[in-house]
Amino acid sequence: MTDITHETGHQQHPLGIYIWVWILLFVLSFFSYMVDYYHLQGMLRWSLIIIFMLLKAGFIVAIFMHMAWERIALIYAILIPPLCLLVFIGLMAIEGEYTTLSRLASFTQHVFMASPVHH
């Protein structure tokens, strides 16, 4: 598959790649639907949903928004900020979980130590 360059310098990509990605998006959507159909629960459910969602979004950005053919600087300008946000969200989730567990441990210890013992 070669790209065809017109006099204007724009590339025209083969139509076949769009059709294959479109079919792949339908297949990934089918798998997302199957997660609900088979009533998967817990971390498996959410992991699969997020994986399918990220794959579909990646194919849409790469092929239909032509990021696969852009310069590396533009790709970095578009992809690095969301990746940084994901890292910060992950760090905040870890800290939030730590804070919740610390407070539960502290409050639980305080409740058990504060109850008077009657003889």
Protein backbone atom coordinates (compact mmCIF):
# COMPACT_ATOMS: atom_id res chain seq x y z
CA MET A 1 0.00 0.00 0.00
CA THR A 2 1.52 3.24 -1.08
CA ASP A 3 0.27 6.73 -0.43
CA ILE A 4 -0.76 8.84 -3.40
CA THR A 5 0.43 12.44 -3.24
CA HIS A 6 -1.49 15.05 -5.20
CA GLU A 7 -0.07 18.29 -6.58
CA THR A 8 -1.13 20.05 -3.38
CA GLY A 9 1.11 17.81 -1.29
CA HIS A 10 -1.75 16.15 0.62
CA GLN A 11 -1.68 12.39 1.01
CA GLN A 12 -4.63 10.25 0.04
CA HIS A 13 -4.66 7.03 2.01
CA PRO A 14 -6.03 3.79 0.61
CA LEU A 15 -9.71 3.27 1.31
CA GLY A 16 -9.07 -0.32 2.46
CA ILE A 17 -7.40 0.78 5.71
CA TYR A 18 -10.50 2.77 6.68
CA ILE A 19 -12.76 -0.19 5.97
CA TRP A 20 -10.56 -2.56 8.03
CA VAL A 21 -10.45 -0.15 10.97
CA TRP A 22 -14.23 0.35 10.71
CA ILE A 23 -14.72 -3.44 10.85
CA LEU A 24 -12.27 -3.66 13.76
CA LEU A 25 -14.25 -0.99 15.62
CA PHE A 26 -17.40 -3.07 15.17
CA VAL A 27 -15.60 -6.18 16.46
CA LEU A 28 -14.32 -4.29 19.53
CA SER A 29 -17.81 -2.90 20.13
CA PHE A 30 -19.19 -6.43 19.89
CA PHE A 31 -16.71 -7.58 22.54
CA SER A 32 -17.73 -4.63 24.75
CA TYR A 33 -21.33 -5.70 24.38
CA MET A 34 -20.40 -9.29 25.27
CA VAL A 35 -18.94 -8.08 28.57
CA ASP A 36 -22.43 -6.91 29.53
CA TYR A 37 -24.20 -9.85 27.92
CA TYR A 38 -22.25 -12.39 29.99
CA HIS A 39 -22.70 -10.27 33.14
CA LEU A 40 -18.99 -10.06 33.93
CA GLN A 41 -18.41 -8.26 37.21
CA GLY A 42 -15.67 -6.66 39.25
CA MET A 43 -12.20 -5.80 38.03
CA LEU A 44 -12.48 -8.10 34.99
CA ARG A 45 -15.52 -6.18 33.74
CA TRP A 46 -13.99 -2.74 34.19
CA SER A 47 -10.59 -3.80 32.83
CA LEU A 48 -12.15 -5.19 29.66
CA ILE A 49 -14.39 -2.17 29.18
CA ILE A 50 -11.45 0.22 29.56
CA ILE A 51 -9.20 -1.85 27.28
CA PHE A 52 -11.84 -1.97 24.53
CA MET A 53 -12.58 1.74 24.97
CA LEU A 54 -8.91 2.73 24.74
CA LEU A 55 -8.35 0.50 21.70
CA LYS A 56 -11.33 2.00 19.89
CA ALA A 57 -10.29 5.55 20.78
CA GLY A 58 -6.72 4.82 19.67
CA PHE A 59 -7.82 3.50 16.28
CA ILE A 60 -10.15 6.45 15.76
CA VAL A 61 -7.43 8.97 16.61
CA ALA A 62 -4.71 7.17 14.65
CA ILE A 63 -6.63 6.41 11.46
CA PHE A 64 -9.73 8.59 11.15
CA MET A 65 -8.05 11.68 12.63
CA HIS A 66 -4.87 10.89 10.61
CA MET A 67 -2.53 10.93 13.63
CA ALA A 68 -0.71 7.88 12.28
CA TRP A 69 0.59 10.04 9.43
CA GLU A 70 1.38 13.20 11.39
CA ARG A 71 4.72 14.49 12.53
CA ILE A 72 5.98 13.23 15.86
CA ALA A 73 5.85 16.72 17.44
CA LEU A 74 2.12 16.99 16.73
CA ILE A 75 1.53 13.50 18.08
CA TYR A 76 3.36 14.39 21.27
CA ALA A 77 1.47 17.68 21.57
CA ILE A 78 -1.84 15.81 21.43
CA LEU A 79 -1.02 12.61 23.35
CA ILE A 80 1.30 13.77 26.16
CA PRO A 81 -1.21 16.04 28.01
CA PRO A 82 -3.90 13.32 28.35
CA LEU A 83 -1.25 10.81 29.42
CA CYS A 84 -0.04 13.23 32.10
CA LEU A 85 -3.63 13.68 33.26
CA LEU A 86 -4.05 9.90 33.51
CA VAL A 87 -0.88 9.65 35.60
CA PHE A 88 -2.09 12.44 37.92
CA ILE A 89 -5.53 10.85 38.23
CA GLY A 90 -3.88 7.53 39.11
CA LEU A 91 -1.72 9.19 41.74
CA MET A 92 -4.74 10.97 43.21
CA ALA A 93 -6.67 7.69 43.31
CA ILE A 94 -3.81 6.00 45.16
CA GLU A 95 -3.55 8.89 47.62
CA GLY A 96 -7.33 8.95 48.11
CA GLU A 97 -7.36 5.23 48.89
CA TYR A 98 -4.47 5.70 51.34
CA THR A 99 -6.27 8.59 53.03
CA THR A 100 -9.49 6.60 53.32
CA LEU A 101 -7.72 3.58 54.80
CA SER A 102 -5.70 5.76 57.21
CA ARG A 103 -8.85 7.49 58.46
CA LEU A 104 -10.71 4.21 58.86
CA ALA A 105 -7.82 2.75 60.83
CA SER A 106 -7.56 5.85 63.01
CA PHE A 107 -11.31 6.13 63.67
CA THR A 108 -11.64 2.42 64.35
CA GLN A 109 -8.74 2.49 66.80
CA HIS A 110 -10.18 5.59 68.48
CA VAL A 111 -13.64 4.00 68.88
CA PHE A 112 -12.28 0.80 70.42
CA MET A 113 -9.87 2.61 72.75
CA ALA A 114 -12.43 5.19 73.90
CA SER A 115 -15.09 2.70 75.00
CA PRO A 116 -14.96 2.39 78.77
CA VAL A 117 -14.67 -1.00 80.41
CA HIS A 118 -17.08 -1.46 83.32
CA HIS A 119 -16.32 -3.94 86.10
